[in-house]
Amino acid sequence: MQINVAQQLRAAIGSIRDYEVSDIVDVVGDGNGRLVQGEVRLMRTDRGILVKGILDTEVELTCSRCLSLFHCPLTLNIEEEYFPTTDVVSGASLPLPDELGCFTIDEHHILDLTEAIRQCALLAIPMKPLCREGCAGLCPDCGHNLNQGACNCPPQGADSRWSELNKLASSSDDLMSQEKGTE
């Protein structure tokens, strides 16, 4: 996803250009490209080009509860500044800022959004992806996907280690119901 910004680097500070984005990008590094669509705005700054945009894509993830594969939509909010490596007028090399991992515009004045999109997508992926909000997960005994129906395992009794806490909770419930009855 490359944009030639030679003309914009010659323009006055504050000049803006808008671009429609629709391209295939390997957003998760698995070798499979995903369609990325949206709009980006490029603004000339005193140091380079500021890119702001909202892009939409979709990645295939594994549900953390039921282990099923599902397609997860992602909205990417990109805001990155790109720095030129070569002066657009003289062709002389320019020093880069001391910022670690800064994005650059190559010597041919091409701004490549691919790495910024990839990094933004990795940050947008949920830490604990779920195929749906009410995913039932897997049976802890037989491993059956409970989203597809109940399994044939016998119901488990309560863990005896929680018995004292269960007694406390039930006595609290009894007190609450008695108080409601007296009002």
Protein backbone atom coordinates (compact mmCIF):
# COMPACT_ATOMS: atom_id res chain seq x y z
CA MET A 1 0.00 0.00 0.00
CA GLN A 2 2.23 2.74 -1.34
CA ILE A 3 1.59 6.43 -2.01
CA ASN A 4 3.92 8.78 -3.89
CA VAL A 5 4.19 11.94 -1.76
CA ALA A 6 6.79 13.88 -3.78
CA GLN A 7 4.34 16.66 -4.67
CA GLN A 8 3.04 16.92 -1.12
CA LEU A 9 6.60 17.17 0.27
CA ARG A 10 7.02 20.25 -1.98
CA ALA A 11 3.73 21.74 -0.75
CA ALA A 12 3.29 24.15 2.14
CA ILE A 13 3.08 22.91 5.71
CA GLY A 14 -0.51 22.03 6.50
CA SER A 15 -1.47 20.92 2.99
CA ILE A 16 -3.85 17.96 3.06
CA ARG A 17 -4.61 15.14 0.65
CA ASP A 18 -7.22 12.43 1.15
CA TYR A 19 -6.88 8.92 -0.27
CA GLU A 20 -9.26 5.97 -0.54
CA VAL A 21 -7.58 2.75 0.52
CA SER A 22 -8.57 -0.65 -0.79
CA ASP A 23 -5.74 -3.13 -0.91
CA ILE A 24 -4.71 -6.62 0.19
CA VAL A 25 -2.30 -6.60 3.16
CA ASP A 26 -0.84 -9.43 5.24
CA VAL A 27 -1.99 -7.89 8.53
CA VAL A 28 -1.10 -10.77 10.87
CA GLY A 29 2.05 -12.06 9.18
CA ASP A 30 0.67 -15.48 8.26
CA GLY A 31 1.19 -15.09 4.52
CA ASN A 32 -2.52 -14.60 3.84
CA GLY A 33 -3.54 -11.17 2.62
CA ARG A 34 -6.64 -9.49 3.99
CA LEU A 35 -8.64 -6.75 2.31
CA VAL A 36 -8.07 -3.41 4.04
CA GLN A 37 -10.46 -0.57 3.16
CA GLY A 38 -11.05 2.95 4.34
CA GLU A 39 -9.75 6.49 4.04
CA VAL A 40 -6.50 8.11 5.04
CA ARG A 41 -5.62 11.78 5.25
CA LEU A 42 -2.04 12.89 4.62
CA MET A 43 -1.00 16.24 6.05
CA ARG A 44 2.32 17.95 5.39
CA THR A 45 4.13 18.77 8.64
CA ASP A 46 7.35 20.64 9.25
CA ARG A 47 9.16 17.29 9.54
CA GLY A 48 7.35 15.02 7.08
CA ILE A 49 3.86 13.63 6.43
CA LEU A 50 1.28 12.87 9.12
CA VAL A 51 -1.04 10.00 8.20
CA LYS A 52 -4.42 9.72 9.91
CA GLY A 53 -7.13 7.34 8.93
CA ILE A 54 -9.72 4.75 9.82
CA LEU A 55 -9.44 1.44 8.03
CA ASP A 56 -11.50 -1.73 8.24
CA THR A 57 -10.33 -5.29 7.82
CA GLU A 58 -11.08 -8.78 9.08
CA VAL A 59 -8.84 -11.50 10.50
CA GLU A 60 -9.42 -15.17 11.21
CA LEU A 61 -8.94 -15.99 14.89
CA THR A 62 -9.42 -18.95 17.20
CA CYS A 63 -12.05 -18.48 19.91
CA SER A 64 -10.45 -18.62 23.33
CA ARG A 65 -13.41 -20.57 24.80
CA CYS A 66 -14.52 -23.09 22.17
CA LEU A 67 -11.39 -23.15 19.95
CA SER A 68 -13.45 -22.62 16.77
CA LEU A 69 -12.11 -20.46 13.96
CA PHE A 70 -14.10 -17.31 13.26
CA HIS A 71 -13.77 -14.05 11.31
CA CYS A 72 -13.20 -11.05 13.56
CA PRO A 73 -13.79 -7.55 12.10
CA LEU A 74 -11.17 -4.95 13.05
CA THR A 75 -11.29 -1.17 12.87
CA LEU A 76 -7.84 0.36 12.63
CA ASN A 77 -7.26 3.94 13.75
CA ILE A 78 -3.95 4.93 12.20
CA GLU A 79 -2.04 8.05 13.21
CA GLU A 80 1.64 7.97 12.28
CA GLU A 81 4.19 10.50 11.08
CA TYR A 82 6.46 9.52 8.21
CA PHE A 83 9.85 11.16 7.78
CA PRO A 84 11.60 11.68 4.42
CA THR A 85 15.04 10.11 3.96
CA THR A 86 15.89 12.28 0.92
CA ASP A 87 15.28 15.97 0.28
CA VAL A 88 12.68 16.25 -2.49
CA VAL A 89 14.36 19.30 -4.09
CA SER A 90 18.11 18.64 -3.81
CA GLY A 91 18.17 14.85 -3.49
CA ALA A 92 20.46 15.10 -0.45
CA SER A 93 20.12 12.57 2.37
CA LEU A 94 18.22 13.83 5.40
CA PRO A 95 18.91 12.88 9.02
CA LEU A 96 16.17 10.86 10.69
CA PRO A 97 14.75 11.83 14.08
CA ASP A 98 16.05 10.06 17.17
CA GLU A 99 12.73 8.24 17.63
CA LEU A 100 12.97 4.45 17.71
CA GLY A 101 10.94 2.65 15.06
CA CYS A 102 9.91 5.75 13.17
CA PHE A 103 8.33 5.32 9.75
CA THR A 104 10.19 6.68 6.75
CA ILE A 105 9.49 7.82 3.21
CA ASP A 106 11.97 6.14 0.86
CA GLU A 107 14.43 7.85 -1.49
CA HIS A 108 11.84 7.74 -4.30
CA HIS A 109 9.36 9.65 -2.07
CA ILE A 110 7.11 6.62 -1.63
CA LEU A 111 5.21 6.36 1.65
CA ASP A 112 4.41 2.70 2.44
CA LEU A 113 1.47 2.18 4.81
CA THR A 114 1.86 -1.61 5.02
CA GLU A 115 3.91 -1.83 8.23
CA ALA A 116 1.82 0.79 10.05
CA ILE A 117 -1.35 -1.10 9.10
CA ARG A 118 0.16 -4.40 10.24
CA GLN A 119 1.23 -2.98 13.61
CA CYS A 120 -2.12 -1.28 14.16
CA ALA A 121 -3.97 -4.51 13.30
CA LEU A 122 -1.91 -6.53 15.77
CA LEU A 123 -2.80 -4.03 18.49
CA ALA A 124 -6.50 -4.14 17.53
CA ILE A 125 -6.81 -7.94 17.82
CA PRO A 126 -8.60 -8.79 21.08
CA MET A 127 -6.44 -10.40 23.77
CA LYS A 128 -9.11 -13.02 24.44
CA PRO A 129 -11.04 -13.41 21.18
CA LEU A 130 -14.57 -14.79 21.39
CA CYS A 131 -16.56 -16.13 18.44
CA ARG A 132 -19.65 -14.55 20.00
CA GLU A 133 -20.53 -12.82 23.27
CA GLY A 134 -22.28 -15.80 24.88
CA CYS A 135 -19.87 -18.52 23.77
CA ALA A 136 -20.43 -21.58 26.00
CA GLY A 137 -16.94 -22.99 25.47
CA LEU A 138 -15.89 -26.63 25.80
CA CYS A 139 -16.94 -29.28 28.31
CA PRO A 140 -14.05 -29.62 30.78
CA ASP A 141 -14.47 -33.43 30.85
CA CYS A 142 -15.05 -34.58 27.27
CA GLY A 143 -14.11 -31.47 25.27
CA HIS A 144 -17.44 -31.24 23.43
CA ASN A 145 -18.23 -27.80 21.99
CA LEU A 146 -21.16 -26.68 24.19
CA ASN A 147 -22.29 -24.19 21.50
CA GLN A 148 -23.44 -27.24 19.51
CA GLY A 149 -25.57 -28.58 22.37
CA ALA A 150 -25.09 -30.33 25.69
CA CYS A 151 -22.72 -33.25 26.03
CA ASN A 152 -23.46 -36.66 27.61
CA CYS A 153 -21.26 -36.13 30.67
CA PRO A 154 -22.97 -36.52 34.08
CA PRO A 155 -23.49 -33.25 35.93
CA GLN A 156 -20.71 -32.45 38.36
CA GLY A 157 -21.44 -31.89 42.02
CA ALA A 158 -20.21 -28.81 43.80
CA ASP A 159 -16.59 -28.77 44.90
CA SER A 160 -16.46 -29.57 48.63
CA ARG A 161 -13.80 -26.92 49.15
CA TRP A 162 -16.48 -24.26 48.59
CA SER A 163 -18.99 -25.71 51.08
CA GLU A 164 -18.42 -23.11 53.82
CA LEU A 165 -18.73 -20.27 51.31
CA ASN A 166 -21.93 -21.80 49.89
CA LYS A 167 -23.40 -21.99 53.43
CA LEU A 168 -22.54 -18.33 53.98
CA ALA A 169 -24.11 -17.34 50.66
CA SER A 170 -27.32 -19.29 51.34
CA SER A 171 -27.66 -17.82 54.85
CA SER A 172 -27.21 -14.36 53.36
CA ASP A 173 -29.97 -15.13 50.83
CA ASP A 174 -32.25 -16.32 53.68
CA LEU A 175 -31.66 -13.07 55.59
CA MET A 176 -32.42 -11.01 52.51
CA SER A 177 -35.70 -12.85 51.86
CA GLN A 178 -36.73 -12.47 55.53
CA GLU A 179 -36.06 -8.73 55.43
CA LYS A 180 -38.15 -8.37 52.27
CA GLY A 181 -40.99 -10.30 53.87
CA THR A 182 -41.16 -7.97 56.92
CA GLU A 183 -41.52 -4.75 54.93
